[in-house]
Amino acid sequence: MSHTMPGLFYRKSKENGLKITPQRTAIYGELLKAKDHPSADDIYKRIVKKIPNISFDTVNRTLLTFSKIGITKVVEGYGQAKRYDPDMDLHHHFRCVRCGRIIDFHNKDYDDIPVPEEINRQFTVTSKKVVLEGLCGKCKKG
């Protein structure tokens, strides 16, 4: 990740009039540590150990707010709960169809895939990413 994440958190919070509370800071810190594209429930289970009186609703609303103001991205839930990704740099995902693991990868050719003209005529594309699906190394062996 090329930019300093805490800097992004403080800058985007300030730009959007979002108070920097201990809860928001802790939720963001937990999200940054995670490499597994966690759901709100995952983050809640990790954070409640540090902040026992925090509610799931607070964690869920905070993560949704973070995605609205550009601090994190929502990764498609593929029919399950939304999952969150703090890496705002352009990258793509591999999703294991068996265990549900989502793995980041970078590929210049995928970055440069042109948007089809019929899509450009009908819509305004604000971002693009490639999602590959298959079996991860663990599931492939098992």
Protein backbone atom coordinates (compact mmCIF):
# COMPACT_ATOMS: atom_id res chain seq x y z
CA MET A 1 0.00 0.00 0.00
CA SER A 2 1.68 3.11 -1.21
CA HIS A 3 0.13 5.83 0.95
CA THR A 4 0.14 6.09 4.70
CA MET A 5 -3.12 4.63 5.85
CA PRO A 6 -3.47 6.49 9.16
CA GLY A 7 -2.94 9.73 7.20
CA LEU A 8 -5.77 8.77 4.86
CA PHE A 9 -8.02 8.03 7.86
CA TYR A 10 -7.36 11.42 9.48
CA ARG A 11 -7.56 13.38 6.23
CA LYS A 12 -10.79 11.79 4.98
CA SER A 13 -12.40 12.01 8.43
CA LYS A 14 -11.58 15.72 8.65
CA GLU A 15 -12.74 16.42 5.06
CA ASN A 16 -16.08 14.74 5.81
CA GLY A 17 -16.63 16.24 9.28
CA LEU A 18 -16.26 12.85 10.96
CA LYS A 19 -15.01 13.04 14.55
CA ILE A 20 -11.91 10.98 15.34
CA THR A 21 -13.25 8.91 18.23
CA PRO A 22 -11.38 6.14 20.07
CA GLN A 23 -13.91 3.64 18.68
CA ARG A 24 -13.45 4.75 15.06
CA THR A 25 -9.67 4.79 15.48
CA ALA A 26 -9.72 1.27 16.96
CA ILE A 27 -12.03 -0.05 14.21
CA TYR A 28 -9.80 1.45 11.53
CA GLY A 29 -6.67 0.06 13.21
CA GLU A 30 -8.22 -3.41 13.33
CA LEU A 31 -9.22 -3.16 9.68
CA LEU A 32 -5.67 -2.15 8.71
CA LYS A 33 -4.18 -5.15 10.54
CA ALA A 34 -6.55 -7.57 8.81
CA LYS A 35 -5.36 -9.26 5.65
CA ASP A 36 -8.52 -11.34 5.23
CA HIS A 37 -11.04 -8.76 3.94
CA PRO A 38 -13.07 -9.04 7.16
CA SER A 39 -16.82 -8.67 7.55
CA ALA A 40 -18.33 -6.31 10.14
CA ASP A 41 -18.86 -9.36 12.36
CA ASP A 42 -15.17 -10.32 12.08
CA ILE A 43 -14.09 -6.80 13.06
CA TYR A 44 -16.63 -6.73 15.90
CA LYS A 45 -15.33 -10.03 17.36
CA ARG A 46 -11.75 -8.69 17.26
CA ILE A 47 -12.53 -5.22 18.64
CA VAL A 48 -14.89 -6.26 21.47
CA LYS A 49 -11.84 -7.80 23.19
CA LYS A 50 -10.31 -4.30 23.40
CA ILE A 51 -13.52 -2.27 23.80
CA PRO A 52 -15.98 -4.56 25.62
CA ASN A 53 -18.88 -2.08 25.58
CA ILE A 54 -18.82 -1.45 21.81
CA SER A 55 -21.91 -2.66 19.94
CA PHE A 56 -22.04 -4.58 16.66
CA ASP A 57 -24.24 -1.79 15.29
CA THR A 58 -21.51 0.79 15.99
CA VAL A 59 -18.91 -1.33 14.18
CA ASN A 60 -21.23 -1.98 11.23
CA ARG A 61 -22.29 1.67 10.85
CA THR A 62 -18.66 2.84 11.19
CA LEU A 63 -17.48 0.48 8.44
CA LEU A 64 -20.30 1.62 6.14
CA THR A 65 -19.37 5.26 6.87
CA PHE A 66 -15.71 4.50 6.14
CA SER A 67 -16.68 3.07 2.74
CA LYS A 68 -18.88 6.10 1.95
CA ILE A 69 -16.08 8.60 2.62
CA GLY A 70 -13.38 6.60 0.81
CA ILE A 71 -11.37 5.15 3.70
CA THR A 72 -12.16 1.54 2.81
CA LYS A 73 -13.77 -0.36 -0.02
CA VAL A 74 -16.62 -2.81 0.23
CA VAL A 75 -15.65 -6.08 -1.40
CA GLU A 76 -18.60 -7.92 -2.85
CA GLY A 77 -20.09 -10.26 -0.30
CA TYR A 78 -20.90 -12.88 -2.95
CA GLY A 79 -24.20 -13.60 -1.24
CA GLN A 80 -22.66 -13.45 2.23
CA ALA A 81 -22.00 -10.45 4.47
CA LYS A 82 -20.19 -7.43 3.04
CA ARG A 83 -16.43 -7.65 3.44
CA TYR A 84 -14.12 -4.67 3.77
CA ASP A 85 -10.75 -3.87 2.21
CA PRO A 86 -8.57 -1.00 3.52
CA ASP A 87 -6.29 -1.09 0.44
CA MET A 88 -7.48 1.83 -1.68
CA ASP A 89 -4.78 1.31 -4.34
CA LEU A 90 -5.81 -0.35 -7.61
CA HIS A 91 -5.68 -4.12 -7.21
CA HIS A 92 -7.69 -7.22 -8.03
CA HIS A 93 -9.06 -10.20 -6.13
CA PHE A 94 -8.92 -13.97 -6.26
CA ARG A 95 -11.82 -15.58 -4.40
CA CYS A 96 -11.79 -19.22 -3.33
CA VAL A 97 -15.18 -20.73 -4.16
CA ARG A 98 -14.77 -23.36 -1.44
CA CYS A 99 -13.55 -21.50 1.68
CA GLY A 100 -14.50 -17.94 0.62
CA ARG A 101 -11.01 -16.52 1.16
CA ILE A 102 -10.29 -13.33 -0.83
CA ILE A 103 -6.69 -12.69 -1.85
CA ASP A 104 -5.37 -9.42 -3.32
CA PHE A 105 -3.20 -9.42 -6.41
CA HIS A 106 -1.72 -6.79 -8.70
CA ASN A 107 -1.53 -7.11 -12.48
CA LYS A 108 -0.76 -4.27 -14.91
CA ASP A 109 -2.55 -5.99 -17.82
CA TYR A 110 -5.75 -6.25 -15.77
CA ASP A 111 -5.36 -2.61 -14.65
CA ASP A 112 -5.32 -1.58 -18.31
CA ILE A 113 -8.32 -3.60 -19.56
CA PRO A 114 -10.39 -1.14 -21.62
CA VAL A 115 -14.01 -0.52 -20.65
CA PRO A 116 -16.30 -1.63 -23.52
CA GLU A 117 -17.67 1.31 -25.53
CA GLU A 118 -21.32 0.31 -24.96
CA ILE A 119 -20.71 0.50 -21.20
CA ASN A 120 -19.00 3.90 -21.52
CA ARG A 121 -21.96 5.20 -23.56
CA GLN A 122 -24.55 4.09 -20.99
CA PHE A 123 -22.71 4.50 -17.70
CA THR A 124 -20.02 6.44 -15.89
CA VAL A 125 -17.39 3.95 -14.73
CA THR A 126 -15.71 5.10 -11.51
CA SER A 127 -13.53 2.05 -10.89
CA LYS A 128 -12.79 -1.37 -12.26
CA LYS A 129 -11.30 -4.54 -10.89
CA VAL A 130 -10.96 -8.13 -11.96
CA VAL A 131 -12.24 -10.93 -9.71
CA LEU A 132 -10.90 -14.39 -10.43
CA GLU A 133 -12.54 -17.40 -8.81
CA GLY A 134 -11.27 -20.91 -8.19
CA LEU A 135 -9.65 -22.97 -5.46
CA CYS A 136 -6.98 -21.50 -3.18
CA GLY A 137 -3.84 -23.53 -2.42
CA LYS A 138 -5.26 -25.01 0.80
CA CYS A 139 -8.55 -26.09 -0.79
CA LYS A 140 -6.81 -27.40 -3.91
CA LYS A 141 -4.73 -29.77 -1.75
CA GLY A 142 -7.69 -30.90 0.36
